[in-house]
Amino acid sequence: MARQRIDILLAQRDLAESREKAKILVMAGAVYVEGQRVAKPDQRFDDDAKLEVRTGALPFVSFGGAKLKHAVDNLRITVYGKTALDIGSSTGGFVDCLLQSGAARVYAVDVGTHQLHERLRGDPRVILLEGINARYLKSEQIGEKVDLVTVDVSFISLKKILPAVVPLLNDDGVLVTLVKPQFEVGRYHVGKGGIVKDSERINAVIENTKSFGESLGLRPVGMVEAPREKERKNREYFITWER
């Protein structure tokens, strides 16, 4: 009997609108096969396997929420009761994950405007800071130091962001950065479709990022590869830091 990837099966049976949304459900722990929770979207099952989705809707407003949930679970990041700052909020996947994980409040910062999902925009625990370039973020714009900072930015190096973010973190706070090699290696090392395939360059980016963080007084304490929404997307990595 033929076996298929679980994300394909979910889409084929109309249990998810698309493979991408199926992956979100799997990463959020909402998909079960024969009563057993499915851990990865590339797991394969028989075509006639009994599938179950134990949620009425997609658990997060974007795939970013599933990515951060993967990091929270695998790196054992404590979110409950924490005051958090999310840099590069966009639609709000990270914000959504933080709230669902029990954050007391989340400052959502993005250089763009009118991007945060309506459900999050109306949540009293979310303090929205739109149209703000995180490179120039000031403590008075936040009004307090935070327990947890998450960073997911594109088209800019983390080295441009971290110097402004570290002073906003409590002495015992935790920083979670999503390292994206395609925005760190320089454009001459990015291949067709914006993909970085050279594992040596990827490893160099990770080590350089760690060294830069250490120069700011941070200590890397954990790392895990982020789930990918599509197979052909870049490999990205979460690094957690303490002061």
C-alpha atoms as a PDB file:
ATOM      1  CA  MET A   1       0.000   0.000   0.000  1.00  0.00           C
ATOM      2  CA  ALA A   2       1.275   3.466  -0.901  1.00  0.00           C
ATOM      3  CA  ARG A   3       2.466   5.727   1.876  1.00  0.00           C
ATOM      4  CA  GLN A   4       2.232   9.516   1.756  1.00  0.00           C
ATOM      5  CA  ARG A   5       3.565  12.421   3.753  1.00  0.00           C
ATOM      6  CA  ILE A   6       1.114  13.489   6.437  1.00  0.00           C
ATOM      7  CA  ASP A   7       0.907  17.072   5.138  1.00  0.00           C
ATOM      8  CA  ILE A   8      -0.110  15.744   1.703  1.00  0.00           C
ATOM      9  CA  LEU A   9      -2.700  13.404   3.215  1.00  0.00           C
ATOM     10  CA  LEU A  10      -4.249  16.210   5.262  1.00  0.00           C
ATOM     11  CA  ALA A  11      -4.566  18.432   2.200  1.00  0.00           C
ATOM     12  CA  GLN A  12      -5.938  15.614   0.029  1.00  0.00           C
ATOM     13  CA  ARG A  13      -8.638  14.812   2.574  1.00  0.00           C
ATOM     14  CA  ASP A  14      -9.548  18.495   3.021  1.00  0.00           C
ATOM     15  CA  LEU A  15      -8.482  18.425   6.664  1.00  0.00           C
ATOM     16  CA  ALA A  16      -6.225  21.384   5.850  1.00  0.00           C
ATOM     17  CA  GLU A  17      -6.582  24.079   3.203  1.00  0.00           C
ATOM     18  CA  SER A  18      -3.066  23.488   1.868  1.00  0.00           C
ATOM     19  CA  ARG A  19       0.132  21.591   2.609  1.00  0.00           C
ATOM     20  CA  GLU A  20       1.563  24.705   4.239  1.00  0.00           C
ATOM     21  CA  LYS A  21      -1.375  24.957   6.633  1.00  0.00           C
ATOM     22  CA  ALA A  22      -1.187  21.218   7.227  1.00  0.00           C
ATOM     23  CA  LYS A  23       2.399  21.681   8.386  1.00  0.00           C
ATOM     24  CA  ILE A  24       1.260  24.327  10.878  1.00  0.00           C
ATOM     25  CA  LEU A  25      -1.242  21.875  12.347  1.00  0.00           C
ATOM     26  CA  VAL A  26       1.384  19.149  12.638  1.00  0.00           C
ATOM     27  CA  MET A  27       3.989  21.422  14.231  1.00  0.00           C
ATOM     28  CA  ALA A  28       1.355  22.619  16.713  1.00  0.00           C
ATOM     29  CA  GLY A  29       0.704  19.034  17.801  1.00  0.00           C
ATOM     30  CA  ALA A  30      -2.886  18.998  16.539  1.00  0.00           C
ATOM     31  CA  VAL A  31      -2.635  16.015  14.143  1.00  0.00           C
ATOM     32  CA  TYR A  32      -3.116  12.391  15.195  1.00  0.00           C
ATOM     33  CA  VAL A  33      -2.883   9.162  13.203  1.00  0.00           C
ATOM     34  CA  GLU A  34      -4.530   6.078  14.692  1.00  0.00           C
ATOM     35  CA  GLY A  35      -4.652   7.948  18.003  1.00  0.00           C
ATOM     36  CA  GLN A  36      -0.936   8.826  18.064  1.00  0.00           C
ATOM     37  CA  ARG A  37       0.270  12.414  17.749  1.00  0.00           C
ATOM     38  CA  VAL A  38       2.313  13.144  14.626  1.00  0.00           C
ATOM     39  CA  ALA A  39       5.606  14.899  15.368  1.00  0.00           C
ATOM     40  CA  LYS A  40       6.857  15.923  11.913  1.00  0.00           C
ATOM     41  CA  PRO A  41       5.121  16.990   8.685  1.00  0.00           C
ATOM     42  CA  ASP A  42       7.320  14.689   6.577  1.00  0.00           C
ATOM     43  CA  GLN A  43       6.251  11.501   8.370  1.00  0.00           C
ATOM     44  CA  ARG A  44       4.622   8.997   6.001  1.00  0.00           C
ATOM     45  CA  PHE A  45       1.473   6.949   6.560  1.00  0.00           C
ATOM     46  CA  ASP A  46      -0.750   4.559   4.609  1.00  0.00           C
ATOM     47  CA  ASP A  47      -3.271   6.178   2.289  1.00  0.00           C
ATOM     48  CA  ASP A  48      -6.144   4.736   4.322  1.00  0.00           C
ATOM     49  CA  ALA A  49      -4.737   5.687   7.745  1.00  0.00           C
ATOM     50  CA  LYS A  50      -7.211   7.190  10.206  1.00  0.00           C
ATOM     51  CA  LEU A  51      -6.387  10.903  10.534  1.00  0.00           C
ATOM     52  CA  GLU A  52      -7.662  13.273  13.183  1.00  0.00           C
ATOM     53  CA  VAL A  53      -7.181  17.025  13.650  1.00  0.00           C
ATOM     54  CA  ARG A  54      -7.852  17.978  17.257  1.00  0.00           C
ATOM     55  CA  THR A  55      -8.476  21.673  16.850  1.00  0.00           C
ATOM     56  CA  GLY A  56     -11.306  23.642  15.310  1.00  0.00           C
ATOM     57  CA  ALA A  57      -9.032  26.057  13.453  1.00  0.00           C
ATOM     58  CA  LEU A  58      -5.394  26.682  12.660  1.00  0.00           C
ATOM     59  CA  PRO A  59      -3.642  27.156  16.008  1.00  0.00           C
ATOM     60  CA  PHE A  60      -1.616  30.209  14.953  1.00  0.00           C
ATOM     61  CA  VAL A  61      -2.175  33.155  12.640  1.00  0.00           C
ATOM     62  CA  SER A  62       0.884  32.202  10.573  1.00  0.00           C
ATOM     63  CA  PHE A  63       3.516  29.492  10.222  1.00  0.00           C
ATOM     64  CA  GLY A  64       5.822  31.609  12.383  1.00  0.00           C
ATOM     65  CA  GLY A  65       3.800  30.530  15.398  1.00  0.00           C
ATOM     66  CA  ALA A  66       4.493  26.869  14.692  1.00  0.00           C
ATOM     67  CA  LYS A  67       8.185  27.639  14.228  1.00  0.00           C
ATOM     68  CA  LEU A  68       8.459  29.387  17.587  1.00  0.00           C
ATOM     69  CA  LYS A  69       6.418  26.654  19.289  1.00  0.00           C
ATOM     70  CA  HIS A  70       9.013  24.178  18.025  1.00  0.00           C
ATOM     71  CA  ALA A  71      11.760  26.252  19.665  1.00  0.00           C
ATOM     72  CA  VAL A  72       9.807  26.761  22.900  1.00  0.00           C
ATOM     73  CA  ASP A  73       9.254  23.019  23.241  1.00  0.00           C
ATOM     74  CA  ASN A  74      12.698  21.822  22.174  1.00  0.00           C
ATOM     75  CA  LEU A  75      14.747  24.484  23.953  1.00  0.00           C
ATOM     76  CA  ARG A  76      12.494  24.504  27.023  1.00  0.00           C
ATOM     77  CA  ILE A  77      11.867  28.226  26.939  1.00  0.00           C
ATOM     78  CA  THR A  78       9.703  29.471  29.804  1.00  0.00           C
ATOM     79  CA  VAL A  79       7.022  31.843  28.522  1.00  0.00           C
ATOM     80  CA  TYR A  80       4.233  31.619  31.095  1.00  0.00           C
ATOM     81  CA  GLY A  81       3.796  34.830  33.066  1.00  0.00           C
ATOM     82  CA  LYS A  82       6.629  36.590  31.237  1.00  0.00           C
ATOM     83  CA  THR A  83       6.670  40.058  29.722  1.00  0.00           C
ATOM     84  CA  ALA A  84       7.843  39.618  26.136  1.00  0.00           C
ATOM     85  CA  LEU A  85       9.087  41.778  23.280  1.00  0.00           C
ATOM     86  CA  ASP A  86       8.733  40.491  19.726  1.00  0.00           C
ATOM     87  CA  ILE A  87      10.888  42.138  17.072  1.00  0.00           C
ATOM     88  CA  GLY A  88       9.631  41.778  13.502  1.00  0.00           C
ATOM     89  CA  SER A  89       6.065  40.835  14.419  1.00  0.00           C
ATOM     90  CA  SER A  90       4.567  41.074  10.913  1.00  0.00           C
ATOM     91  CA  THR A  91       1.332  39.019  10.897  1.00  0.00           C
ATOM     92  CA  GLY A  92       1.993  37.941  14.461  1.00  0.00           C
ATOM     93  CA  GLY A  93       2.914  34.254  14.415  1.00  0.00           C
ATOM     94  CA  PHE A  94       5.455  34.676  17.209  1.00  0.00           C
ATOM     95  CA  VAL A  95       3.112  36.972  19.156  1.00  0.00           C
ATOM     96  CA  ASP A  96       0.332  34.396  18.893  1.00  0.00           C
ATOM     97  CA  CYS A  97       2.604  31.607  20.113  1.00  0.00           C
ATOM     98  CA  LEU A  98       3.808  33.710  23.049  1.00  0.00           C
ATOM     99  CA  LEU A  99       0.254  34.522  24.113  1.00  0.00           C
ATOM    100  CA  GLN A 100      -0.909  30.930  23.784  1.00  0.00           C
ATOM    101  CA  SER A 101       2.118  29.884  25.846  1.00  0.00           C
ATOM    102  CA  GLY A 102       0.990  32.160  28.673  1.00  0.00           C
ATOM    103  CA  ALA A 103       2.913  35.425  28.227  1.00  0.00           C
ATOM    104  CA  ALA A 104       1.514  38.170  30.460  1.00  0.00           C
ATOM    105  CA  ARG A 105       1.913  40.760  27.710  1.00  0.00           C
ATOM    106  CA  VAL A 106       3.763  41.146  24.443  1.00  0.00           C
ATOM    107  CA  TYR A 107       5.224  44.278  22.878  1.00  0.00           C
ATOM    108  CA  ALA A 108       4.892  43.740  19.123  1.00  0.00           C
ATOM    109  CA  VAL A 109       7.419  45.773  17.119  1.00  0.00           C
ATOM    110  CA  ASP A 110       7.554  46.008  13.339  1.00  0.00           C
ATOM    111  CA  VAL A 111       8.840  48.547  10.846  1.00  0.00           C
ATOM    112  CA  GLY A 112       5.681  48.018   8.786  1.00  0.00           C
ATOM    113  CA  THR A 113       2.106  48.988   9.595  1.00  0.00           C
ATOM    114  CA  HIS A 114      -1.300  47.307   9.413  1.00  0.00           C
ATOM    115  CA  GLN A 115       0.244  43.823   9.296  1.00  0.00           C
ATOM    116  CA  LEU A 116      -0.658  42.336  12.678  1.00  0.00           C
ATOM    117  CA  HIS A 117      -3.607  39.940  12.514  1.00  0.00           C
ATOM    118  CA  GLU A 118      -6.895  41.447  13.638  1.00  0.00           C
ATOM    119  CA  ARG A 119      -7.358  38.886  16.401  1.00  0.00           C
ATOM    120  CA  LEU A 120      -4.051  39.875  17.964  1.00  0.00           C
ATOM    121  CA  ARG A 121      -4.570  43.563  17.352  1.00  0.00           C
ATOM    122  CA  GLY A 122      -7.641  43.431  19.585  1.00  0.00           C
ATOM    123  CA  ASP A 123      -5.997  41.430  22.384  1.00  0.00           C
ATOM    124  CA  PRO A 124      -5.431  43.596  25.502  1.00  0.00           C
ATOM    125  CA  ARG A 125      -2.189  41.751  26.235  1.00  0.00           C
ATOM    126  CA  VAL A 126      -0.634  43.052  23.004  1.00  0.00           C
ATOM    127  CA  ILE A 127       1.055  46.465  22.945  1.00  0.00           C
ATOM    128  CA  LEU A 128       1.444  47.289  19.274  1.00  0.00           C
ATOM    129  CA  LEU A 129       4.427  49.391  18.197  1.00  0.00           C
ATOM    130  CA  GLU A 130       4.088  49.828  14.443  1.00  0.00           C
ATOM    131  CA  GLY A 131       6.296  51.747  12.061  1.00  0.00           C
ATOM    132  CA  ILE A 132       9.326  51.397  14.315  1.00  0.00           C
ATOM    133  CA  ASN A 133      12.746  50.343  13.058  1.00  0.00           C
ATOM    134  CA  ALA A 134      14.118  48.064  15.782  1.00  0.00           C
ATOM    135  CA  ARG A 135      17.646  49.321  15.088  1.00  0.00           C
ATOM    136  CA  TYR A 136      16.634  52.546  16.797  1.00  0.00           C
ATOM    137  CA  LEU A 137      14.302  51.149  19.452  1.00  0.00           C
ATOM    138  CA  LYS A 138      14.605  53.058  22.744  1.00  0.00           C
ATOM    139  CA  SER A 139      13.815  51.940  26.273  1.00  0.00           C
ATOM    140  CA  GLU A 140      11.325  54.772  26.720  1.00  0.00           C
ATOM    141  CA  GLN A 141       9.257  53.346  23.862  1.00  0.00           C
ATOM    142  CA  ILE A 142       8.816  50.156  25.868  1.00  0.00           C
ATOM    143  CA  GLY A 143       8.684  51.687  29.330  1.00  0.00           C
ATOM    144  CA  GLU A 144      10.092  48.643  31.111  1.00  0.00           C
ATOM    145  CA  LYS A 145      12.671  45.915  30.762  1.00  0.00           C
ATOM    146  CA  VAL A 146      11.317  42.598  29.543  1.00  0.00           C
ATOM    147  CA  ASP A 147      11.815  38.963  30.511  1.00  0.00           C
ATOM    148  CA  LEU A 148      11.860  37.524  27.019  1.00  0.00           C
ATOM    149  CA  VAL A 149      12.766  38.875  23.578  1.00  0.00           C
ATOM    150  CA  THR A 150      12.072  37.079  20.303  1.00  0.00           C
ATOM    151  CA  VAL A 151      13.595  38.270  17.029  1.00  0.00           C
ATOM    152  CA  ASP A 152      12.532  37.277  13.512  1.00  0.00           C
ATOM    153  CA  VAL A 153      13.674  39.845  10.960  1.00  0.00           C
ATOM    154  CA  SER A 154      14.271  39.731   7.208  1.00  0.00           C
ATOM    155  CA  PHE A 155      16.465  41.654   4.761  1.00  0.00           C
ATOM    156  CA  ILE A 156      18.678  42.827   7.618  1.00  0.00           C
ATOM    157  CA  SER A 157      21.451  41.232   9.652  1.00  0.00           C
ATOM    158  CA  LEU A 158      20.879  40.387  13.297  1.00  0.00           C
ATOM    159  CA  LYS A 159      24.058  42.340  13.975  1.00  0.00           C
ATOM    160  CA  LYS A 160      22.117  45.502  13.172  1.00  0.00           C
ATOM    161  CA  ILE A 161      19.320  44.632  15.606  1.00  0.00           C
ATOM    162  CA  LEU A 162      20.903  43.036  18.670  1.00  0.00           C
ATOM    163  CA  PRO A 163      22.777  46.104  20.004  1.00  0.00           C
ATOM    164  CA  ALA A 164      19.458  47.927  20.406  1.00  0.00           C
ATOM    165  CA  VAL A 165      17.629  44.936  21.859  1.00  0.00           C
ATOM    166  CA  VAL A 166      20.024  43.655  24.525  1.00  0.00           C
ATOM    167  CA  PRO A 167      19.650  46.720  26.813  1.00  0.00           C
ATOM    168  CA  LEU A 168      15.879  46.101  26.923  1.00  0.00           C
ATOM    169  CA  LEU A 169      16.327  42.652  28.479  1.00  0.00           C
ATOM    170  CA  ASN A 170      16.201  41.982  32.220  1.00  0.00           C
ATOM    171  CA  ASP A 171      19.409  40.713  33.812  1.00  0.00           C
ATOM    172  CA  ASP A 172      17.920  37.216  34.037  1.00  0.00           C
ATOM    173  CA  GLY A 173      16.037  37.494  30.757  1.00  0.00           C
ATOM    174  CA  VAL A 174      16.164  35.227  27.711  1.00  0.00           C
ATOM    175  CA  LEU A 175      16.681  36.227  24.087  1.00  0.00           C
ATOM    176  CA  VAL A 176      15.501  34.023  21.207  1.00  0.00           C
ATOM    177  CA  THR A 177      16.853  34.847  17.756  1.00  0.00           C
ATOM    178  CA  LEU A 178      15.997  33.248  14.435  1.00  0.00           C
ATOM    179  CA  VAL A 179      19.225  33.135  12.435  1.00  0.00           C
ATOM    180  CA  LYS A 180      18.597  33.423   8.689  1.00  0.00           C
ATOM    181  CA  PRO A 181      21.805  32.711   6.735  1.00  0.00           C
ATOM    182  CA  GLN A 182      20.393  34.266   3.550  1.00  0.00           C
ATOM    183  CA  PHE A 183      20.498  37.675   5.227  1.00  0.00           C
ATOM    184  CA  GLU A 184      23.895  37.169   6.864  1.00  0.00           C
ATOM    185  CA  VAL A 185      26.227  35.742   4.200  1.00  0.00           C
ATOM    186  CA  GLY A 186      26.161  38.657   1.776  1.00  0.00           C
ATOM    187  CA  ARG A 187      24.325  38.698  -1.537  1.00  0.00           C
ATOM    188  CA  TYR A 188      27.224  37.203  -3.522  1.00  0.00           C
ATOM    189  CA  HIS A 189      26.891  33.951  -1.580  1.00  0.00           C
ATOM    190  CA  VAL A 190      23.130  33.589  -2.003  1.00  0.00           C
ATOM    191  CA  GLY A 191      22.161  31.153  -4.748  1.00  0.00           C
ATOM    192  CA  LYS A 192      19.253  30.854  -7.134  1.00  0.00           C
ATOM    193  CA  GLY A 193      15.907  31.602  -5.539  1.00  0.00           C
ATOM    194  CA  GLY A 194      17.608  33.258  -2.569  1.00  0.00           C
ATOM    195  CA  ILE A 195      18.749  29.924  -1.145  1.00  0.00           C
ATOM    196  CA  VAL A 196      21.996  29.346   0.763  1.00  0.00           C
ATOM    197  CA  LYS A 197      23.039  25.710   0.283  1.00  0.00           C
ATOM    198  CA  ASP A 198      26.691  25.785   1.336  1.00  0.00           C
ATOM    199  CA  SER A 199      26.743  24.107   4.760  1.00  0.00           C
ATOM    200  CA  GLU A 200      30.151  25.597   5.561  1.00  0.00           C
ATOM    201  CA  ARG A 201      28.835  29.112   5.036  1.00  0.00           C
ATOM    202  CA  ILE A 202      25.760  28.321   7.106  1.00  0.00           C
ATOM    203  CA  ASN A 203      27.930  27.027   9.950  1.00  0.00           C
ATOM    204  CA  ALA A 204      30.135  30.111   9.669  1.00  0.00           C
ATOM    205  CA  VAL A 205      27.064  32.342   9.987  1.00  0.00           C
ATOM    206  CA  ILE A 206      26.007  30.518  13.137  1.00  0.00           C
ATOM    207  CA  GLU A 207      29.462  30.800  14.708  1.00  0.00           C
ATOM    208  CA  ASN A 208      29.805  34.462  13.728  1.00  0.00           C
ATOM    209  CA  THR A 209      26.398  35.203  15.204  1.00  0.00           C
ATOM    210  CA  LYS A 210      27.372  33.503  18.450  1.00  0.00           C
ATOM    211  CA  SER A 211      30.621  35.459  18.618  1.00  0.00           C
ATOM    212  CA  PHE A 212      28.808  38.725  17.985  1.00  0.00           C
ATOM    213  CA  GLY A 213      26.250  37.954  20.679  1.00  0.00           C
ATOM    214  CA  GLU A 214      29.019  37.157  23.144  1.00  0.00           C
ATOM    215  CA  SER A 215      30.629  40.522  22.385  1.00  0.00           C
ATOM    216  CA  LEU A 216      27.385  42.102  23.624  1.00  0.00           C
ATOM    217  CA  GLY A 217      27.507  40.189  26.897  1.00  0.00           C
ATOM    218  CA  LEU A 218      25.204  37.371  25.825  1.00  0.00           C
ATOM    219  CA  ARG A 219      25.752  33.658  26.331  1.00  0.00           C
ATOM    220  CA  PRO A 220      24.319  31.178  23.789  1.00  0.00           C
ATOM    221  CA  VAL A 221      22.605  28.372  25.700  1.00  0.00           C
ATOM    222  CA  GLY A 222      20.693  26.425  23.066  1.00  0.00           C
ATOM    223  CA  MET A 223      20.104  25.969  19.348  1.00  0.00           C
ATOM    224  CA  VAL A 224      17.632  24.099  17.175  1.00  0.00           C
ATOM    225  CA  GLU A 225      16.873  24.120  13.460  1.00  0.00           C
ATOM    226  CA  ALA A 226      13.562  25.790  12.642  1.00  0.00           C
ATOM    227  CA  PRO A 227      10.816  23.917  10.782  1.00  0.00           C
ATOM    228  CA  ARG A 228      10.510  24.892   7.132  1.00  0.00           C
ATOM    229  CA  GLU A 229       7.171  25.795   5.584  1.00  0.00           C
ATOM    230  CA  LYS A 230       8.361  24.472   2.227  1.00  0.00           C
ATOM    231  CA  GLU A 231      11.131  21.988   1.453  1.00  0.00           C
ATOM    232  CA  ARG A 232      12.983  24.393  -0.812  1.00  0.00           C
ATOM    233  CA  LYS A 233      13.148  27.207   1.703  1.00  0.00           C
ATOM    234  CA  ASN A 234      16.331  28.201   3.524  1.00  0.00           C
ATOM    235  CA  ARG A 235      17.488  26.386   6.610  1.00  0.00           C
ATOM    236  CA  GLU A 236      17.145  28.661   9.624  1.00  0.00           C
ATOM    237  CA  TYR A 237      18.141  28.233  13.255  1.00  0.00           C
ATOM    238  CA  PHE A 238      16.854  29.382  16.617  1.00  0.00           C
ATOM    239  CA  ILE A 239      19.501  30.363  19.150  1.00  0.00           C
ATOM    240  CA  THR A 240      18.608  31.104  22.763  1.00  0.00           C
ATOM    241  CA  TRP A 241      20.720  33.442  24.836  1.00  0.00           C
ATOM    242  CA  GLU A 242      21.098  34.497  28.445  1.00  0.00           C
ATOM    243  CA  ARG A 243      22.909  37.510  29.838  1.00  0.00           C
END
